[in-house]
Amino acid sequence: MTTKPKITDKQALRELEDFDPTDVDFQDLSTLAAISAWARERDEHDSKLVGLVRAARAQGASWAHIGARLGITKQAAHERFAEEIA
């Protein structure tokens, strides 16, 4: 029995970027692996973003400035991060 070699998270993310949802073979679990890899990567980035927002607020940045950098309103930035950085 041959087993498929494991792929790295970066390889899985690359596959996800090239993924065509109309061409799915559910016998091939690499697509599901790519979803898992992307979710882990997203969680890591979200955690880093919260830390950066916390640091920006500590340095005096307003919610309007943070929101502008994220491409969202100051209210959306506040709602997204205020409780996490408190």
N, C-alpha and C. Protein backbone atom coordinates (compact mmCIF):
# COMPACT_ATOMS: atom_id res chain seq x y z
N MET A 1 0.85 -1.17 0.00
CA MET A 1 0.00 0.00 0.00
C MET A 1 0.89 1.23 0.00
N THR A 2 0.65 2.13 -0.91
CA THR A 2 1.41 3.36 -0.97
C THR A 2 0.63 4.46 -0.27
N THR A 3 1.36 5.27 0.47
CA THR A 3 0.73 6.40 1.14
C THR A 3 1.23 7.68 0.49
N LYS A 4 0.34 8.65 0.46
CA LYS A 4 0.71 9.95 -0.09
C LYS A 4 1.66 10.65 0.86
N PRO A 5 2.70 11.27 0.36
CA PRO A 5 3.58 12.00 1.27
C PRO A 5 2.84 13.19 1.88
N LYS A 6 3.17 13.49 3.12
CA LYS A 6 2.56 14.65 3.78
C LYS A 6 3.05 15.92 3.11
N ILE A 7 2.17 16.93 3.08
CA ILE A 7 2.55 18.20 2.50
C ILE A 7 2.68 19.23 3.62
N THR A 8 3.48 20.24 3.37
CA THR A 8 3.65 21.30 4.35
C THR A 8 2.45 22.23 4.32
N ASP A 9 2.32 23.04 5.34
CA ASP A 9 1.24 24.02 5.38
C ASP A 9 1.32 24.97 4.19
N LYS A 10 2.53 25.40 3.85
CA LYS A 10 2.69 26.32 2.72
C LYS A 10 2.27 25.67 1.41
N GLN A 11 2.60 24.38 1.25
CA GLN A 11 2.16 23.68 0.05
C GLN A 11 0.65 23.56 0.01
N ALA A 12 0.05 23.29 1.16
CA ALA A 12 -1.41 23.18 1.23
C ALA A 12 -2.07 24.51 0.91
N LEU A 13 -1.50 25.59 1.41
CA LEU A 13 -2.06 26.91 1.12
C LEU A 13 -1.93 27.24 -0.37
N ARG A 14 -0.81 26.86 -0.97
CA ARG A 14 -0.63 27.08 -2.40
C ARG A 14 -1.68 26.30 -3.18
N GLU A 15 -1.94 25.05 -2.77
CA GLU A 15 -2.97 24.25 -3.43
C GLU A 15 -4.34 24.89 -3.27
N LEU A 16 -4.59 25.44 -2.10
CA LEU A 16 -5.88 26.07 -1.86
C LEU A 16 -6.06 27.27 -2.76
N GLU A 17 -5.03 28.05 -2.96
CA GLU A 17 -5.11 29.22 -3.85
C GLU A 17 -5.42 28.80 -5.28
N ASP A 18 -4.92 27.63 -5.69
CA ASP A 18 -5.13 27.14 -7.05
C ASP A 18 -6.38 26.26 -7.15
N PHE A 19 -7.10 26.11 -6.07
CA PHE A 19 -8.23 25.19 -6.00
C PHE A 19 -9.40 25.64 -6.88
N ASP A 20 -9.93 24.71 -7.66
CA ASP A 20 -11.12 24.94 -8.47
C ASP A 20 -12.25 24.12 -7.85
N PRO A 21 -13.24 24.78 -7.19
CA PRO A 21 -14.28 24.03 -6.49
C PRO A 21 -15.15 23.19 -7.40
N THR A 22 -15.10 23.42 -8.71
CA THR A 22 -15.90 22.61 -9.63
C THR A 22 -15.21 21.31 -9.98
N ASP A 23 -13.97 21.16 -9.55
CA ASP A 23 -13.18 19.97 -9.89
C ASP A 23 -12.74 19.26 -8.62
N VAL A 24 -13.71 18.77 -7.85
CA VAL A 24 -13.41 18.17 -6.55
C VAL A 24 -13.55 16.66 -6.63
N ASP A 25 -12.52 15.97 -6.18
CA ASP A 25 -12.56 14.53 -6.02
C ASP A 25 -12.42 14.26 -4.53
N PHE A 26 -13.52 13.92 -3.89
CA PHE A 26 -13.48 13.76 -2.45
C PHE A 26 -12.76 12.50 -2.00
N GLN A 27 -12.26 11.73 -2.95
CA GLN A 27 -11.38 10.63 -2.60
C GLN A 27 -9.99 11.18 -2.25
N ASP A 28 -9.73 12.36 -2.75
CA ASP A 28 -8.44 13.01 -2.51
C ASP A 28 -8.62 13.97 -1.33
N LEU A 29 -8.04 13.66 -0.21
CA LEU A 29 -8.23 14.45 1.00
C LEU A 29 -7.30 15.65 1.09
N SER A 30 -6.52 15.92 0.05
CA SER A 30 -5.60 17.05 0.12
C SER A 30 -6.35 18.37 0.22
N THR A 31 -7.55 18.44 -0.35
CA THR A 31 -8.34 19.67 -0.25
C THR A 31 -8.74 19.91 1.20
N LEU A 32 -9.15 18.87 1.89
CA LEU A 32 -9.50 19.03 3.30
C LEU A 32 -8.27 19.37 4.14
N ALA A 33 -7.14 18.80 3.77
CA ALA A 33 -5.90 19.14 4.47
C ALA A 33 -5.56 20.60 4.26
N ALA A 34 -5.80 21.11 3.04
CA ALA A 34 -5.53 22.51 2.75
C ALA A 34 -6.43 23.42 3.60
N ILE A 35 -7.68 23.02 3.79
CA ILE A 35 -8.58 23.80 4.64
C ILE A 35 -8.04 23.87 6.06
N SER A 36 -7.59 22.75 6.58
CA SER A 36 -7.02 22.72 7.93
C SER A 36 -5.78 23.59 8.02
N ALA A 37 -4.93 23.50 7.03
CA ALA A 37 -3.70 24.30 7.03
C ALA A 37 -4.03 25.78 6.98
N TRP A 38 -4.97 26.14 6.13
CA TRP A 38 -5.36 27.55 6.02
C TRP A 38 -5.94 28.04 7.33
N ALA A 39 -6.77 27.24 7.98
CA ALA A 39 -7.37 27.65 9.25
C ALA A 39 -6.31 27.87 10.32
N ARG A 40 -5.30 26.99 10.38
CA ARG A 40 -4.21 27.18 11.34
C ARG A 40 -3.45 28.46 11.05
N GLU A 41 -3.16 28.68 9.78
CA GLU A 41 -2.44 29.89 9.38
C GLU A 41 -3.26 31.14 9.73
N ARG A 42 -4.56 31.11 9.46
CA ARG A 42 -5.44 32.23 9.76
C ARG A 42 -5.44 32.53 11.26
N ASP A 43 -5.52 31.48 12.08
CA ASP A 43 -5.53 31.67 13.53
C ASP A 43 -4.24 32.32 14.00
N GLU A 44 -3.11 31.89 13.43
CA GLU A 44 -1.82 32.49 13.79
C GLU A 44 -1.78 33.97 13.41
N HIS A 45 -2.27 34.27 12.23
CA HIS A 45 -2.28 35.66 11.77
C HIS A 45 -3.23 36.51 12.60
N ASP A 46 -4.39 35.95 12.95
CA ASP A 46 -5.34 36.68 13.78
C ASP A 46 -4.72 37.02 15.13
N SER A 47 -4.00 36.06 15.70
CA SER A 47 -3.35 36.28 16.99
C SER A 47 -2.30 37.39 16.88
N LYS A 48 -1.52 37.37 15.81
CA LYS A 48 -0.51 38.41 15.60
C LYS A 48 -1.17 39.78 15.39
N LEU A 49 -2.28 39.80 14.67
CA LEU A 49 -2.98 41.05 14.41
C LEU A 49 -3.51 41.65 15.71
N VAL A 50 -4.06 40.83 16.59
CA VAL A 50 -4.54 41.32 17.88
C VAL A 50 -3.38 41.93 18.66
N GLY A 51 -2.23 41.30 18.64
CA GLY A 51 -1.06 41.84 19.33
C GLY A 51 -0.62 43.17 18.75
N LEU A 52 -0.68 43.29 17.44
CA LEU A 52 -0.30 44.56 16.79
C LEU A 52 -1.30 45.66 17.13
N VAL A 53 -2.58 45.33 17.14
CA VAL A 53 -3.60 46.32 17.49
C VAL A 53 -3.42 46.75 18.95
N ARG A 54 -3.14 45.80 19.82
CA ARG A 54 -2.89 46.11 21.24
C ARG A 54 -1.72 47.08 21.36
N ALA A 55 -0.64 46.80 20.63
CA ALA A 55 0.54 47.66 20.68
C ALA A 55 0.23 49.04 20.12
N ALA A 56 -0.51 49.09 19.02
CA ALA A 56 -0.86 50.38 18.43
C ALA A 56 -1.70 51.22 19.39
N ARG A 57 -2.65 50.60 20.05
CA ARG A 57 -3.47 51.33 21.02
C ARG A 57 -2.60 51.81 22.19
N ALA A 58 -1.67 50.98 22.64
CA ALA A 58 -0.79 51.37 23.74
C ALA A 58 0.09 52.55 23.35
N GLN A 59 0.38 52.67 22.06
CA GLN A 59 1.20 53.77 21.56
C GLN A 59 0.35 54.99 21.21
N GLY A 60 -0.96 54.91 21.45
CA GLY A 60 -1.82 56.07 21.26
C GLY A 60 -2.59 56.13 19.95
N ALA A 61 -2.52 55.08 19.15
CA ALA A 61 -3.27 55.08 17.88
C ALA A 61 -4.77 55.04 18.17
N SER A 62 -5.52 55.79 17.41
CA SER A 62 -6.97 55.81 17.57
C SER A 62 -7.60 54.64 16.84
N TRP A 63 -8.85 54.35 17.21
CA TRP A 63 -9.59 53.31 16.49
C TRP A 63 -9.79 53.70 15.03
N ALA A 64 -9.90 55.00 14.77
CA ALA A 64 -10.06 55.47 13.39
C ALA A 64 -8.80 55.15 12.58
N HIS A 65 -7.62 55.38 13.16
CA HIS A 65 -6.38 55.08 12.46
C HIS A 65 -6.22 53.58 12.23
N ILE A 66 -6.53 52.79 13.25
CA ILE A 66 -6.41 51.34 13.12
C ILE A 66 -7.41 50.84 12.07
N GLY A 67 -8.64 51.31 12.15
CA GLY A 67 -9.65 50.91 11.18
C GLY A 67 -9.24 51.25 9.76
N ALA A 68 -8.68 52.46 9.59
CA ALA A 68 -8.26 52.89 8.25
C ALA A 68 -7.19 51.94 7.69
N ARG A 69 -6.26 51.52 8.53
CA ARG A 69 -5.20 50.60 8.07
C ARG A 69 -5.76 49.23 7.71
N LEU A 70 -6.87 48.86 8.36
CA LEU A 70 -7.48 47.57 8.09
C LEU A 70 -8.54 47.64 6.99
N GLY A 71 -8.85 48.86 6.56
CA GLY A 71 -9.87 49.02 5.53
C GLY A 71 -11.28 48.88 6.05
N ILE A 72 -11.46 49.18 7.35
CA ILE A 72 -12.77 49.11 7.98
C ILE A 72 -13.01 50.40 8.76
N THR A 73 -14.23 50.58 9.25
CA THR A 73 -14.53 51.78 10.02
C THR A 73 -13.94 51.69 11.41
N LYS A 74 -13.87 52.85 12.09
CA LYS A 74 -13.36 52.84 13.46
C LYS A 74 -14.28 52.02 14.36
N GLN A 75 -15.60 52.08 14.08
CA GLN A 75 -16.54 51.30 14.88
C GLN A 75 -16.30 49.80 14.68
N ALA A 76 -16.07 49.39 13.44
CA ALA A 76 -15.82 47.98 13.17
C ALA A 76 -14.52 47.52 13.83
N ALA A 77 -13.50 48.36 13.80
CA ALA A 77 -12.22 48.02 14.44
C ALA A 77 -12.43 47.88 15.95
N HIS A 78 -13.15 48.80 16.54
CA HIS A 78 -13.41 48.75 17.97
C HIS A 78 -14.19 47.49 18.34
N GLU A 79 -15.25 47.20 17.57
CA GLU A 79 -16.05 46.01 17.86
C GLU A 79 -15.23 44.74 17.71
N ARG A 80 -14.34 44.71 16.74
CA ARG A 80 -13.55 43.51 16.48
C ARG A 80 -12.48 43.26 17.55
N PHE A 81 -11.85 44.35 18.05
CA PHE A 81 -10.66 44.17 18.88
C PHE A 81 -10.77 44.62 20.33
N ALA A 82 -11.70 45.50 20.68
CA ALA A 82 -11.70 46.11 22.01
C ALA A 82 -11.69 45.09 23.14
N GLU A 83 -12.54 44.09 23.07
CA GLU A 83 -12.60 43.10 24.15
C GLU A 83 -11.34 42.24 24.19
N GLU A 84 -10.78 41.93 23.02
CA GLU A 84 -9.59 41.07 22.98
C GLU A 84 -8.34 41.76 23.53
N ILE A 85 -8.28 43.08 23.44
CA ILE A 85 -7.06 43.76 23.88
C ILE A 85 -7.19 44.36 25.27
N ALA A 86 -8.38 44.25 25.85
CA ALA A 86 -8.62 44.82 27.18
C ALA A 86 -7.83 44.08 28.25
